[in-house]
Amino acid sequence: MATDFLEGLGKTIIKTADKVSKKTDDFLEVQKLKNKIYENHKATEKLYMEIGRQVYEQFKDGQNEEFLELCNEIHEKDNELIDLKKQLKTRKEEA
């Protein structure tokens, strides 16, 4: 009888530890995605600043050039951000 109790207790402890481990893994995965979203946002902001600086410099010098490369980079970052937000939503729903 005592053996059954200890065996049951052991199984309960293992199940609980597994659940805690999974929750921890889920939490860490969500945090990683949030960090990537933040990094993406900061990179996009830097690109916006660079566009602004270049536009001002060209305005000041009387030039008018296209900023296709920087705009394409921003577009890529926006697409990455959409994907990361979808991943985050999926992870939160799974947790």
N, C-alpha and C. Protein backbone atom coordinates (compact mmCIF):
# COMPACT_ATOMS: atom_id res chain seq x y z
N MET A 1 0.82 -1.19 0.00
CA MET A 1 0.00 0.00 0.00
C MET A 1 0.88 1.26 0.00
N ALA A 2 1.88 1.31 0.87
CA ALA A 2 2.77 2.46 0.91
C ALA A 2 3.54 2.57 -0.39
N THR A 3 3.87 1.43 -0.97
CA THR A 3 4.59 1.43 -2.25
C THR A 3 3.71 2.03 -3.34
N ASP A 4 2.43 1.66 -3.35
CA ASP A 4 1.50 2.22 -4.34
C ASP A 4 1.38 3.73 -4.19
N PHE A 5 1.31 4.17 -2.94
CA PHE A 5 1.21 5.60 -2.67
C PHE A 5 2.44 6.33 -3.19
N LEU A 6 3.62 5.80 -2.88
CA LEU A 6 4.87 6.44 -3.31
C LEU A 6 5.01 6.39 -4.83
N GLU A 7 4.58 5.29 -5.40
CA GLU A 7 4.64 5.16 -6.85
C GLU A 7 3.72 6.19 -7.51
N GLY A 8 2.51 6.32 -6.98
CA GLY A 8 1.56 7.32 -7.49
C GLY A 8 2.07 8.73 -7.30
N LEU A 9 2.66 8.98 -6.15
CA LEU A 9 3.23 10.30 -5.87
C LEU A 9 4.36 10.60 -6.84
N GLY A 10 5.19 9.61 -7.10
CA GLY A 10 6.29 9.79 -8.04
C GLY A 10 5.79 10.13 -9.43
N LYS A 11 4.74 9.42 -9.87
CA LYS A 11 4.17 9.68 -11.20
C LYS A 11 3.58 11.09 -11.26
N THR A 12 2.90 11.49 -10.19
CA THR A 12 2.31 12.83 -10.14
C THR A 12 3.40 13.90 -10.21
N ILE A 13 4.47 13.68 -9.48
CA ILE A 13 5.59 14.64 -9.49
C ILE A 13 6.19 14.73 -10.89
N ILE A 14 6.36 13.59 -11.54
CA ILE A 14 6.94 13.58 -12.89
C ILE A 14 6.02 14.31 -13.87
N LYS A 15 4.71 14.04 -13.79
CA LYS A 15 3.76 14.72 -14.68
C LYS A 15 3.77 16.23 -14.46
N THR A 16 3.80 16.62 -13.19
CA THR A 16 3.83 18.05 -12.86
C THR A 16 5.11 18.69 -13.38
N ALA A 17 6.23 18.02 -13.19
CA ALA A 17 7.51 18.55 -13.67
C ALA A 17 7.50 18.68 -15.19
N ASP A 18 6.90 17.71 -15.88
CA ASP A 18 6.81 17.77 -17.33
C ASP A 18 5.96 18.97 -17.77
N LYS A 19 4.85 19.19 -17.07
CA LYS A 19 3.98 20.33 -17.40
C LYS A 19 4.71 21.65 -17.18
N VAL A 20 5.42 21.74 -16.06
CA VAL A 20 6.17 22.96 -15.75
C VAL A 20 7.25 23.18 -16.80
N SER A 21 7.91 22.11 -17.19
CA SER A 21 8.96 22.20 -18.21
C SER A 21 8.39 22.69 -19.53
N LYS A 22 7.24 22.15 -19.93
CA LYS A 22 6.61 22.58 -21.18
C LYS A 22 6.19 24.04 -21.11
N LYS A 23 5.61 24.44 -19.99
CA LYS A 23 5.20 25.84 -19.83
C LYS A 23 6.41 26.77 -19.90
N THR A 24 7.51 26.33 -19.29
CA THR A 24 8.74 27.13 -19.32
C THR A 24 9.25 27.24 -20.75
N ASP A 25 9.25 26.12 -21.47
CA ASP A 25 9.68 26.15 -22.87
C ASP A 25 8.79 27.07 -23.70
N ASP A 26 7.49 26.98 -23.49
CA ASP A 26 6.55 27.85 -24.21
C ASP A 26 6.81 29.32 -23.90
N PHE A 27 7.01 29.61 -22.62
CA PHE A 27 7.28 30.98 -22.20
C PHE A 27 8.56 31.50 -22.86
N LEU A 28 9.61 30.68 -22.86
CA LEU A 28 10.88 31.09 -23.46
C LEU A 28 10.73 31.32 -24.96
N GLU A 29 9.96 30.47 -25.62
CA GLU A 29 9.74 30.62 -27.06
C GLU A 29 8.98 31.92 -27.35
N VAL A 30 7.99 32.22 -26.55
CA VAL A 30 7.23 33.47 -26.70
C VAL A 30 8.15 34.66 -26.48
N GLN A 31 9.00 34.59 -25.48
CA GLN A 31 9.92 35.70 -25.20
C GLN A 31 10.91 35.89 -26.36
N LYS A 32 11.38 34.78 -26.94
CA LYS A 32 12.29 34.88 -28.08
C LYS A 32 11.60 35.58 -29.25
N LEU A 33 10.35 35.21 -29.50
CA LEU A 33 9.61 35.85 -30.59
C LEU A 33 9.38 37.33 -30.31
N LYS A 34 9.05 37.66 -29.07
CA LYS A 34 8.87 39.07 -28.70
C LYS A 34 10.17 39.84 -28.91
N ASN A 35 11.29 39.22 -28.57
CA ASN A 35 12.59 39.87 -28.74
C ASN A 35 12.88 40.09 -30.23
N LYS A 36 12.57 39.10 -31.07
CA LYS A 36 12.77 39.26 -32.50
C LYS A 36 11.89 40.37 -33.06
N ILE A 37 10.66 40.46 -32.57
CA ILE A 37 9.76 41.53 -33.00
C ILE A 37 10.34 42.88 -32.61
N TYR A 38 10.85 42.99 -31.38
CA TYR A 38 11.46 44.24 -30.93
C TYR A 38 12.67 44.59 -31.80
N GLU A 39 13.54 43.60 -32.05
CA GLU A 39 14.73 43.84 -32.87
C GLU A 39 14.33 44.27 -34.28
N ASN A 40 13.31 43.64 -34.83
CA ASN A 40 12.82 44.00 -36.15
C ASN A 40 12.32 45.44 -36.16
N HIS A 41 11.57 45.79 -35.14
CA HIS A 41 11.04 47.16 -35.02
C HIS A 41 12.19 48.17 -34.96
N LYS A 42 13.20 47.89 -34.16
CA LYS A 42 14.32 48.82 -34.03
C LYS A 42 15.08 48.95 -35.35
N ALA A 43 15.27 47.84 -36.07
CA ALA A 43 15.96 47.88 -37.36
C ALA A 43 15.17 48.71 -38.36
N THR A 44 13.85 48.56 -38.35
CA THR A 44 13.00 49.34 -39.25
C THR A 44 13.09 50.82 -38.91
N GLU A 45 13.08 51.14 -37.63
CA GLU A 45 13.20 52.54 -37.21
C GLU A 45 14.52 53.14 -37.69
N LYS A 46 15.61 52.37 -37.63
CA LYS A 46 16.91 52.86 -38.12
C LYS A 46 16.84 53.16 -39.61
N LEU A 47 16.16 52.28 -40.35
CA LEU A 47 16.02 52.50 -41.79
C LEU A 47 15.20 53.76 -42.07
N TYR A 48 14.14 53.96 -41.30
CA TYR A 48 13.35 55.19 -41.46
C TYR A 48 14.22 56.42 -41.18
N MET A 49 15.04 56.35 -40.17
CA MET A 49 15.92 57.48 -39.84
C MET A 49 16.90 57.73 -40.98
N GLU A 50 17.44 56.65 -41.55
CA GLU A 50 18.39 56.80 -42.65
C GLU A 50 17.71 57.41 -43.87
N ILE A 51 16.49 56.98 -44.16
CA ILE A 51 15.74 57.58 -45.27
C ILE A 51 15.57 59.08 -45.02
N GLY A 52 15.16 59.42 -43.81
CA GLY A 52 14.96 60.82 -43.48
C GLY A 52 16.23 61.64 -43.63
N ARG A 53 17.34 61.08 -43.17
CA ARG A 53 18.62 61.78 -43.27
C ARG A 53 18.99 61.99 -44.74
N GLN A 54 18.84 60.93 -45.53
CA GLN A 54 19.21 61.04 -46.94
C GLN A 54 18.28 62.00 -47.69
N VAL A 55 17.01 61.95 -47.40
CA VAL A 55 16.07 62.87 -48.04
C VAL A 55 16.44 64.31 -47.70
N TYR A 56 16.75 64.55 -46.43
CA TYR A 56 17.13 65.91 -46.02
C TYR A 56 18.40 66.35 -46.73
N GLU A 57 19.41 65.47 -46.78
CA GLU A 57 20.68 65.82 -47.43
C GLU A 57 20.46 66.13 -48.91
N GLN A 58 19.64 65.33 -49.57
CA GLN A 58 19.39 65.58 -50.99
C GLN A 58 18.56 66.85 -51.18
N PHE A 59 17.63 67.08 -50.28
CA PHE A 59 16.85 68.32 -50.34
C PHE A 59 17.78 69.51 -50.18
N LYS A 60 18.68 69.40 -49.21
CA LYS A 60 19.63 70.47 -48.93
C LYS A 60 20.55 70.71 -50.13
N ASP A 61 20.95 69.64 -50.80
CA ASP A 61 21.86 69.76 -51.95
C ASP A 61 21.12 69.97 -53.27
N GLY A 62 19.79 70.00 -53.21
CA GLY A 62 19.01 70.22 -54.42
C GLY A 62 18.90 68.99 -55.31
N GLN A 63 19.14 67.82 -54.76
CA GLN A 63 19.06 66.58 -55.54
C GLN A 63 17.76 65.85 -55.23
N ASN A 64 17.39 64.97 -56.15
CA ASN A 64 16.20 64.16 -55.91
C ASN A 64 16.45 62.75 -56.45
N GLU A 65 16.79 61.82 -55.58
CA GLU A 65 17.03 60.43 -55.98
C GLU A 65 16.01 59.52 -55.33
N GLU A 66 15.85 58.36 -55.93
CA GLU A 66 14.93 57.36 -55.37
C GLU A 66 15.63 56.62 -54.22
N PHE A 67 14.84 56.15 -53.30
CA PHE A 67 15.36 55.41 -52.16
C PHE A 67 14.84 53.98 -52.19
N LEU A 68 14.91 53.39 -53.36
CA LEU A 68 14.33 52.07 -53.57
C LEU A 68 14.93 51.02 -52.65
N GLU A 69 16.25 51.01 -52.50
CA GLU A 69 16.89 49.98 -51.67
C GLU A 69 16.43 50.05 -50.22
N LEU A 70 16.42 51.24 -49.65
CA LEU A 70 15.98 51.38 -48.26
C LEU A 70 14.50 51.06 -48.11
N CYS A 71 13.70 51.48 -49.07
CA CYS A 71 12.27 51.18 -49.01
C CYS A 71 12.03 49.67 -49.11
N ASN A 72 12.82 49.00 -49.94
CA ASN A 72 12.70 47.54 -50.04
C ASN A 72 13.10 46.87 -48.73
N GLU A 73 14.13 47.38 -48.08
CA GLU A 73 14.53 46.82 -46.78
C GLU A 73 13.41 46.99 -45.75
N ILE A 74 12.78 48.16 -45.76
CA ILE A 74 11.66 48.39 -44.83
C ILE A 74 10.52 47.43 -45.15
N HIS A 75 10.24 47.25 -46.42
CA HIS A 75 9.18 46.32 -46.82
C HIS A 75 9.50 44.90 -46.33
N GLU A 76 10.76 44.47 -46.46
CA GLU A 76 11.17 43.15 -45.97
C GLU A 76 10.98 43.06 -44.45
N LYS A 77 11.37 44.10 -43.74
CA LYS A 77 11.22 44.10 -42.27
C LYS A 77 9.75 44.05 -41.88
N ASP A 78 8.92 44.77 -42.62
CA ASP A 78 7.48 44.73 -42.34
C ASP A 78 6.93 43.32 -42.53
N ASN A 79 7.37 42.66 -43.60
CA ASN A 79 6.92 41.28 -43.84
C ASN A 79 7.42 40.34 -42.75
N GLU A 80 8.67 40.51 -42.32
CA GLU A 80 9.21 39.70 -41.22
C GLU A 80 8.40 39.93 -39.95
N LEU A 81 8.06 41.18 -39.70
CA LEU A 81 7.29 41.52 -38.51
C LEU A 81 5.92 40.85 -38.53
N ILE A 82 5.27 40.85 -39.67
CA ILE A 82 3.97 40.18 -39.79
C ILE A 82 4.12 38.70 -39.49
N ASP A 83 5.16 38.07 -40.04
CA ASP A 83 5.40 36.64 -39.80
C ASP A 83 5.69 36.37 -38.33
N LEU A 84 6.52 37.20 -37.71
CA LEU A 84 6.84 37.01 -36.29
C LEU A 84 5.61 37.15 -35.41
N LYS A 85 4.76 38.12 -35.73
CA LYS A 85 3.54 38.31 -34.95
C LYS A 85 2.61 37.11 -35.10
N LYS A 86 2.55 36.53 -36.30
CA LYS A 86 1.74 35.33 -36.51
C LYS A 86 2.30 34.17 -35.68
N GLN A 87 3.63 34.02 -35.68
CA GLN A 87 4.26 32.96 -34.89
C GLN A 87 3.97 33.14 -33.41
N LEU A 88 4.05 34.38 -32.95
CA LEU A 88 3.79 34.67 -31.54
C LEU A 88 2.35 34.33 -31.19
N LYS A 89 1.42 34.71 -32.04
CA LYS A 89 0.01 34.41 -31.79
C LYS A 89 -0.21 32.91 -31.73
N THR A 90 0.42 32.17 -32.64
CA THR A 90 0.28 30.71 -32.66
C THR A 90 0.85 30.10 -31.39
N ARG A 91 2.02 30.57 -30.96
CA ARG A 91 2.65 30.04 -29.74
C ARG A 91 1.78 30.31 -28.52
N LYS A 92 1.21 31.51 -28.46
CA LYS A 92 0.36 31.85 -27.32
C LYS A 92 -0.89 30.99 -27.30
N GLU A 93 -1.43 30.70 -28.48
CA GLU A 93 -2.63 29.86 -28.56
C GLU A 93 -2.31 28.42 -28.17
N GLU A 94 -1.09 27.96 -28.47
CA GLU A 94 -0.68 26.59 -28.14
C GLU A 94 -0.39 26.44 -26.66
N ALA A 95 0.02 27.53 -26.03
CA ALA A 95 0.45 27.46 -24.62
C ALA A 95 -0.70 27.26 -23.67
